[in-house]
Amino acid sequence: MGKIKVHVLRPFERYKKGDTAELTPTKASALEKMGLVEPSTKTAEKQIAKADKPSA
């Protein structure tokens, strides 16, 4: 699984508000639930949703 681009809404780790971060879909999904990031593209949004589903 590659990395996806997300917009940073609230500072975390080394990122500041307004930055564009490249994260794994799993990490992006967790941070999105906390309200720290939002997907920057439709593709990123789909990959976050896919990572959010439990694997069978």
PDB file of N, CA and C in Angstrom:
ATOM      1  N   MET A   1       0.849  -1.180   0.000  1.00  0.00           N
ATOM      2  CA  MET A   1       0.000   0.000   0.000  1.00  0.00           C
ATOM      3  C   MET A   1       0.893   1.241   0.000  1.00  0.00           C
ATOM      4  N   GLY A   2       0.593   2.166  -0.879  1.00  0.00           N
ATOM      5  CA  GLY A   2       1.393   3.379  -0.983  1.00  0.00           C
ATOM      6  C   GLY A   2       0.949   4.449  -0.007  1.00  0.00           C
ATOM      7  N   LYS A   3       1.476   5.618  -0.210  1.00  0.00           N
ATOM      8  CA  LYS A   3       1.122   6.745   0.662  1.00  0.00           C
ATOM      9  C   LYS A   3       0.126   7.641  -0.063  1.00  0.00           C
ATOM     10  N   ILE A   4      -0.697   8.309   0.716  1.00  0.00           N
ATOM     11  CA  ILE A   4      -1.682   9.238   0.160  1.00  0.00           C
ATOM     12  C   ILE A   4      -1.465  10.620   0.748  1.00  0.00           C
ATOM     13  N   LYS A   5      -1.922  11.634   0.027  1.00  0.00           N
ATOM     14  CA  LYS A   5      -1.748  13.006   0.487  1.00  0.00           C
ATOM     15  C   LYS A   5      -2.996  13.469   1.231  1.00  0.00           C
ATOM     16  N   VAL A   6      -2.758  14.116   2.355  1.00  0.00           N
ATOM     17  CA  VAL A   6      -3.843  14.675   3.170  1.00  0.00           C
ATOM     18  C   VAL A   6      -3.491  16.096   3.577  1.00  0.00           C
ATOM     19  N   HIS A   7      -4.522  16.904   3.796  1.00  0.00           N
ATOM     20  CA  HIS A   7      -4.340  18.264   4.290  1.00  0.00           C
ATOM     21  C   HIS A   7      -4.396  18.236   5.814  1.00  0.00           C
ATOM     22  N   VAL A   8      -3.456  18.909   6.446  1.00  0.00           N
ATOM     23  CA  VAL A   8      -3.393  18.954   7.912  1.00  0.00           C
ATOM     24  C   VAL A   8      -4.317  20.073   8.410  1.00  0.00           C
ATOM     25  N   LEU A   9      -5.278  19.711   9.255  1.00  0.00           N
ATOM     26  CA  LEU A   9      -6.212  20.681   9.823  1.00  0.00           C
ATOM     27  C   LEU A   9      -5.746  21.194  11.180  1.00  0.00           C
ATOM     28  N   ARG A  10      -5.098  20.313  11.948  1.00  0.00           N
ATOM     29  CA  ARG A  10      -4.573  20.676  13.265  1.00  0.00           C
ATOM     30  C   ARG A  10      -3.171  20.094  13.381  1.00  0.00           C
ATOM     31  N   PRO A  11      -2.251  20.800  14.019  1.00  0.00           N
ATOM     32  CA  PRO A  11      -0.861  20.333  14.109  1.00  0.00           C
ATOM     33  C   PRO A  11      -0.734  18.984  14.817  1.00  0.00           C
ATOM     34  N   PHE A  12       0.154  18.135  14.302  1.00  0.00           N
ATOM     35  CA  PHE A  12       0.524  16.875  14.941  1.00  0.00           C
ATOM     36  C   PHE A  12       1.907  16.489  14.427  1.00  0.00           C
ATOM     37  N   GLU A  13       2.620  15.708  15.232  1.00  0.00           N
ATOM     38  CA  GLU A  13       3.990  15.283  14.920  1.00  0.00           C
ATOM     39  C   GLU A  13       4.794  16.475  14.386  1.00  0.00           C
ATOM     40  N   ARG A  14       5.338  16.373  13.189  1.00  0.00           N
ATOM     41  CA  ARG A  14       6.156  17.468  12.649  1.00  0.00           C
ATOM     42  C   ARG A  14       5.378  18.346  11.674  1.00  0.00           C
ATOM     43  N   TYR A  15       4.098  18.112  11.524  1.00  0.00           N
ATOM     44  CA  TYR A  15       3.275  18.853  10.568  1.00  0.00           C
ATOM     45  C   TYR A  15       2.578  20.037  11.225  1.00  0.00           C
ATOM     46  N   LYS A  16       2.437  21.116  10.451  1.00  0.00           N
ATOM     47  CA  LYS A  16       1.737  22.302  10.915  1.00  0.00           C
ATOM     48  C   LYS A  16       0.418  22.430  10.155  1.00  0.00           C
ATOM     49  N   LYS A  17      -0.487  23.221  10.681  1.00  0.00           N
ATOM     50  CA  LYS A  17      -1.764  23.473  10.025  1.00  0.00           C
ATOM     51  C   LYS A  17      -1.501  24.021   8.619  1.00  0.00           C
ATOM     52  N   GLY A  18      -2.189  23.465   7.633  1.00  0.00           N
ATOM     53  CA  GLY A  18      -2.040  23.912   6.255  1.00  0.00           C
ATOM     54  C   GLY A  18      -1.051  23.095   5.446  1.00  0.00           C
ATOM     55  N   ASP A  19      -0.251  22.251   6.094  1.00  0.00           N
ATOM     56  CA  ASP A  19       0.695  21.400   5.378  1.00  0.00           C
ATOM     57  C   ASP A  19      -0.036  20.311   4.601  1.00  0.00           C
ATOM     58  N   THR A  20       0.652  19.734   3.632  1.00  0.00           N
ATOM     59  CA  THR A  20       0.169  18.546   2.952  1.00  0.00           C
ATOM     60  C   THR A  20       1.106  17.418   3.342  1.00  0.00           C
ATOM     61  N   ALA A  21       0.541  16.400   3.978  1.00  0.00           N
ATOM     62  CA  ALA A  21       1.349  15.284   4.475  1.00  0.00           C
ATOM     63  C   ALA A  21       1.098  14.050   3.628  1.00  0.00           C
ATOM     64  N   GLU A  22       2.114  13.206   3.507  1.00  0.00           N
ATOM     65  CA  GLU A  22       1.963  11.912   2.850  1.00  0.00           C
ATOM     66  C   GLU A  22       1.989  10.839   3.928  1.00  0.00           C
ATOM     67  N   LEU A  23       0.869  10.141   4.067  1.00  0.00           N
ATOM     68  CA  LEU A  23       0.718   9.131   5.116  1.00  0.00           C
ATOM     69  C   LEU A  23       0.186   7.841   4.523  1.00  0.00           C
ATOM     70  N   THR A  24       0.309   6.755   5.274  1.00  0.00           N
ATOM     71  CA  THR A  24      -0.315   5.504   4.857  1.00  0.00           C
ATOM     72  C   THR A  24      -1.826   5.656   5.048  1.00  0.00           C
ATOM     73  N   PRO A  25      -2.620   4.951   4.252  1.00  0.00           N
ATOM     74  CA  PRO A  25      -4.081   5.046   4.406  1.00  0.00           C
ATOM     75  C   PRO A  25      -4.569   4.711   5.813  1.00  0.00           C
ATOM     76  N   THR A  26      -3.928   3.751   6.477  1.00  0.00           N
ATOM     77  CA  THR A  26      -4.333   3.361   7.829  1.00  0.00           C
ATOM     78  C   THR A  26      -4.123   4.506   8.814  1.00  0.00           C
ATOM     79  N   LYS A  27      -2.958   5.131   8.756  1.00  0.00           N
ATOM     80  CA  LYS A  27      -2.660   6.248   9.662  1.00  0.00           C
ATOM     81  C   LYS A  27      -3.551   7.443   9.335  1.00  0.00           C
ATOM     82  N   ALA A  28      -3.762   7.697   8.036  1.00  0.00           N
ATOM     83  CA  ALA A  28      -4.619   8.804   7.628  1.00  0.00           C
ATOM     84  C   ALA A  28      -6.043   8.593   8.126  1.00  0.00           C
ATOM     85  N   SER A  29      -6.509   7.360   8.097  1.00  0.00           N
ATOM     86  CA  SER A  29      -7.855   7.041   8.579  1.00  0.00           C
ATOM     87  C   SER A  29      -7.979   7.350  10.069  1.00  0.00           C
ATOM     88  N   ALA A  30      -6.992   6.937  10.838  1.00  0.00           N
ATOM     89  CA  ALA A  30      -7.015   7.181  12.289  1.00  0.00           C
ATOM     90  C   ALA A  30      -6.974   8.682  12.588  1.00  0.00           C
ATOM     91  N   LEU A  31      -6.117   9.409  11.884  1.00  0.00           N
ATOM     92  CA  LEU A  31      -5.992  10.845  12.125  1.00  0.00           C
ATOM     93  C   LEU A  31      -7.234  11.605  11.666  1.00  0.00           C
ATOM     94  N   GLU A  32      -7.880  11.097  10.610  1.00  0.00           N
ATOM     95  CA  GLU A  32      -9.115  11.737  10.137  1.00  0.00           C
ATOM     96  C   GLU A  32     -10.214  11.596  11.192  1.00  0.00           C
ATOM     97  N   LYS A  33     -10.285  10.439  11.841  1.00  0.00           N
ATOM     98  CA  LYS A  33     -11.279  10.219  12.903  1.00  0.00           C
ATOM     99  C   LYS A  33     -11.067  11.178  14.069  1.00  0.00           C
ATOM    100  N   MET A  34      -9.816  11.558  14.310  1.00  0.00           N
ATOM    101  CA  MET A  34      -9.494  12.506  15.388  1.00  0.00           C
ATOM    102  C   MET A  34      -9.658  13.951  14.945  1.00  0.00           C
ATOM    103  N   GLY A  35      -9.918  14.168  13.667  1.00  0.00           N
ATOM    104  CA  GLY A  35     -10.120  15.521  13.163  1.00  0.00           C
ATOM    105  C   GLY A  35      -8.833  16.280  12.881  1.00  0.00           C
ATOM    106  N   LEU A  36      -7.735  15.558  12.696  1.00  0.00           N
ATOM    107  CA  LEU A  36      -6.458  16.220  12.455  1.00  0.00           C
ATOM    108  C   LEU A  36      -6.164  16.440  10.976  1.00  0.00           C
ATOM    109  N   VAL A  37      -6.712  15.582  10.110  1.00  0.00           N
ATOM    110  CA  VAL A  37      -6.445  15.691   8.674  1.00  0.00           C
ATOM    111  C   VAL A  37      -7.731  15.492   7.878  1.00  0.00           C
ATOM    112  N   GLU A  38      -7.660  15.876   6.585  1.00  0.00           N
ATOM    113  CA  GLU A  38      -8.735  15.581   5.641  1.00  0.00           C
ATOM    114  C   GLU A  38      -8.081  15.151   4.335  1.00  0.00           C
ATOM    115  N   PRO A  39      -8.719  14.270   3.573  1.00  0.00           N
ATOM    116  CA  PRO A  39      -8.131  13.820   2.313  1.00  0.00           C
ATOM    117  C   PRO A  39      -7.990  14.989   1.339  1.00  0.00           C
ATOM    118  N   SER A  40      -6.908  14.983   0.563  1.00  0.00           N
ATOM    119  CA  SER A  40      -6.687  16.082  -0.380  1.00  0.00           C
ATOM    120  C   SER A  40      -7.275  15.787  -1.750  1.00  0.00           C
ATOM    121  N   THR A  41      -7.552  14.510  -2.045  1.00  0.00           N
ATOM    122  CA  THR A  41      -8.133  14.137  -3.341  1.00  0.00           C
ATOM    123  C   THR A  41      -9.219  13.087  -3.144  1.00  0.00           C
ATOM    124  N   LYS A  42      -9.996  12.865  -4.201  1.00  0.00           N
ATOM    125  CA  LYS A  42     -11.032  11.823  -4.150  1.00  0.00           C
ATOM    126  C   LYS A  42     -10.395  10.450  -3.988  1.00  0.00           C
ATOM    127  N   THR A  43      -9.252  10.237  -4.641  1.00  0.00           N
ATOM    128  CA  THR A  43      -8.551   8.963  -4.532  1.00  0.00           C
ATOM    129  C   THR A  43      -8.128   8.716  -3.091  1.00  0.00           C
ATOM    130  N   ALA A  44      -7.596   9.732  -2.443  1.00  0.00           N
ATOM    131  CA  ALA A  44      -7.188   9.610  -1.039  1.00  0.00           C
ATOM    132  C   ALA A  44      -8.401   9.295  -0.170  1.00  0.00           C
ATOM    133  N   GLU A  45      -9.507   9.939  -0.459  1.00  0.00           N
ATOM    134  CA  GLU A  45     -10.736   9.700   0.301  1.00  0.00           C
ATOM    135  C   GLU A  45     -11.170   8.241   0.172  1.00  0.00           C
ATOM    136  N   LYS A  46     -11.094   7.689  -1.027  1.00  0.00           N
ATOM    137  CA  LYS A  46     -11.485   6.291  -1.263  1.00  0.00           C
ATOM    138  C   LYS A  46     -10.526   5.334  -0.564  1.00  0.00           C
ATOM    139  N   GLN A  47      -9.229   5.637  -0.592  1.00  0.00           N
ATOM    140  CA  GLN A  47      -8.261   4.764   0.065  1.00  0.00           C
ATOM    141  C   GLN A  47      -8.417   4.792   1.575  1.00  0.00           C
ATOM    142  N   ILE A  48      -8.756   5.933   2.136  1.00  0.00           N
ATOM    143  CA  ILE A  48      -9.000   6.020   3.578  1.00  0.00           C
ATOM    144  C   ILE A  48     -10.228   5.194   3.944  1.00  0.00           C
ATOM    145  N   ALA A  49     -11.277   5.295   3.143  1.00  0.00           N
ATOM    146  CA  ALA A  49     -12.489   4.518   3.393  1.00  0.00           C
ATOM    147  C   ALA A  49     -12.196   3.020   3.288  1.00  0.00           C
ATOM    148  N   LYS A  50     -11.381   2.648   2.329  1.00  0.00           N
ATOM    149  CA  LYS A  50     -11.018   1.236   2.150  1.00  0.00           C
ATOM    150  C   LYS A  50     -10.203   0.731   3.337  1.00  0.00           C
ATOM    151  N   ALA A  51      -9.302   1.547   3.841  1.00  0.00           N
ATOM    152  CA  ALA A  51      -8.463   1.162   4.986  1.00  0.00           C
ATOM    153  C   ALA A  51      -9.286   1.086   6.268  1.00  0.00           C
ATOM    154  N   ASP A  52     -10.401   1.810   6.289  1.00  0.00           N
ATOM    155  CA  ASP A  52     -11.262   1.861   7.467  1.00  0.00           C
ATOM    156  C   ASP A  52     -12.048   0.570   7.656  1.00  0.00           C
ATOM    157  N   LYS A  53     -12.288  -0.153   6.552  1.00  0.00           N
ATOM    158  CA  LYS A  53     -13.068  -1.393   6.630  1.00  0.00           C
ATOM    159  C   LYS A  53     -12.202  -2.512   7.190  1.00  0.00           C
ATOM    160  N   PRO A  54     -12.742  -3.314   8.103  1.00  0.00           N
ATOM    161  CA  PRO A  54     -11.969  -4.445   8.616  1.00  0.00           C
ATOM    162  C   PRO A  54     -11.766  -5.513   7.543  1.00  0.00           C
ATOM    163  N   SER A  55     -10.597  -6.093   7.495  1.00  0.00           N
ATOM    164  CA  SER A  55     -10.329  -7.148   6.505  1.00  0.00           C
ATOM    165  C   SER A  55     -10.853  -8.485   7.026  1.00  0.00           C
ATOM    166  N   ALA A  56     -11.361  -9.276   6.102  1.00  0.00           N
ATOM    167  CA  ALA A  56     -11.969 -10.550   6.506  1.00  0.00           C
ATOM    168  C   ALA A  56     -10.962 -11.653   6.651  1.00  0.00           C
TER     169      ALA A  56
END
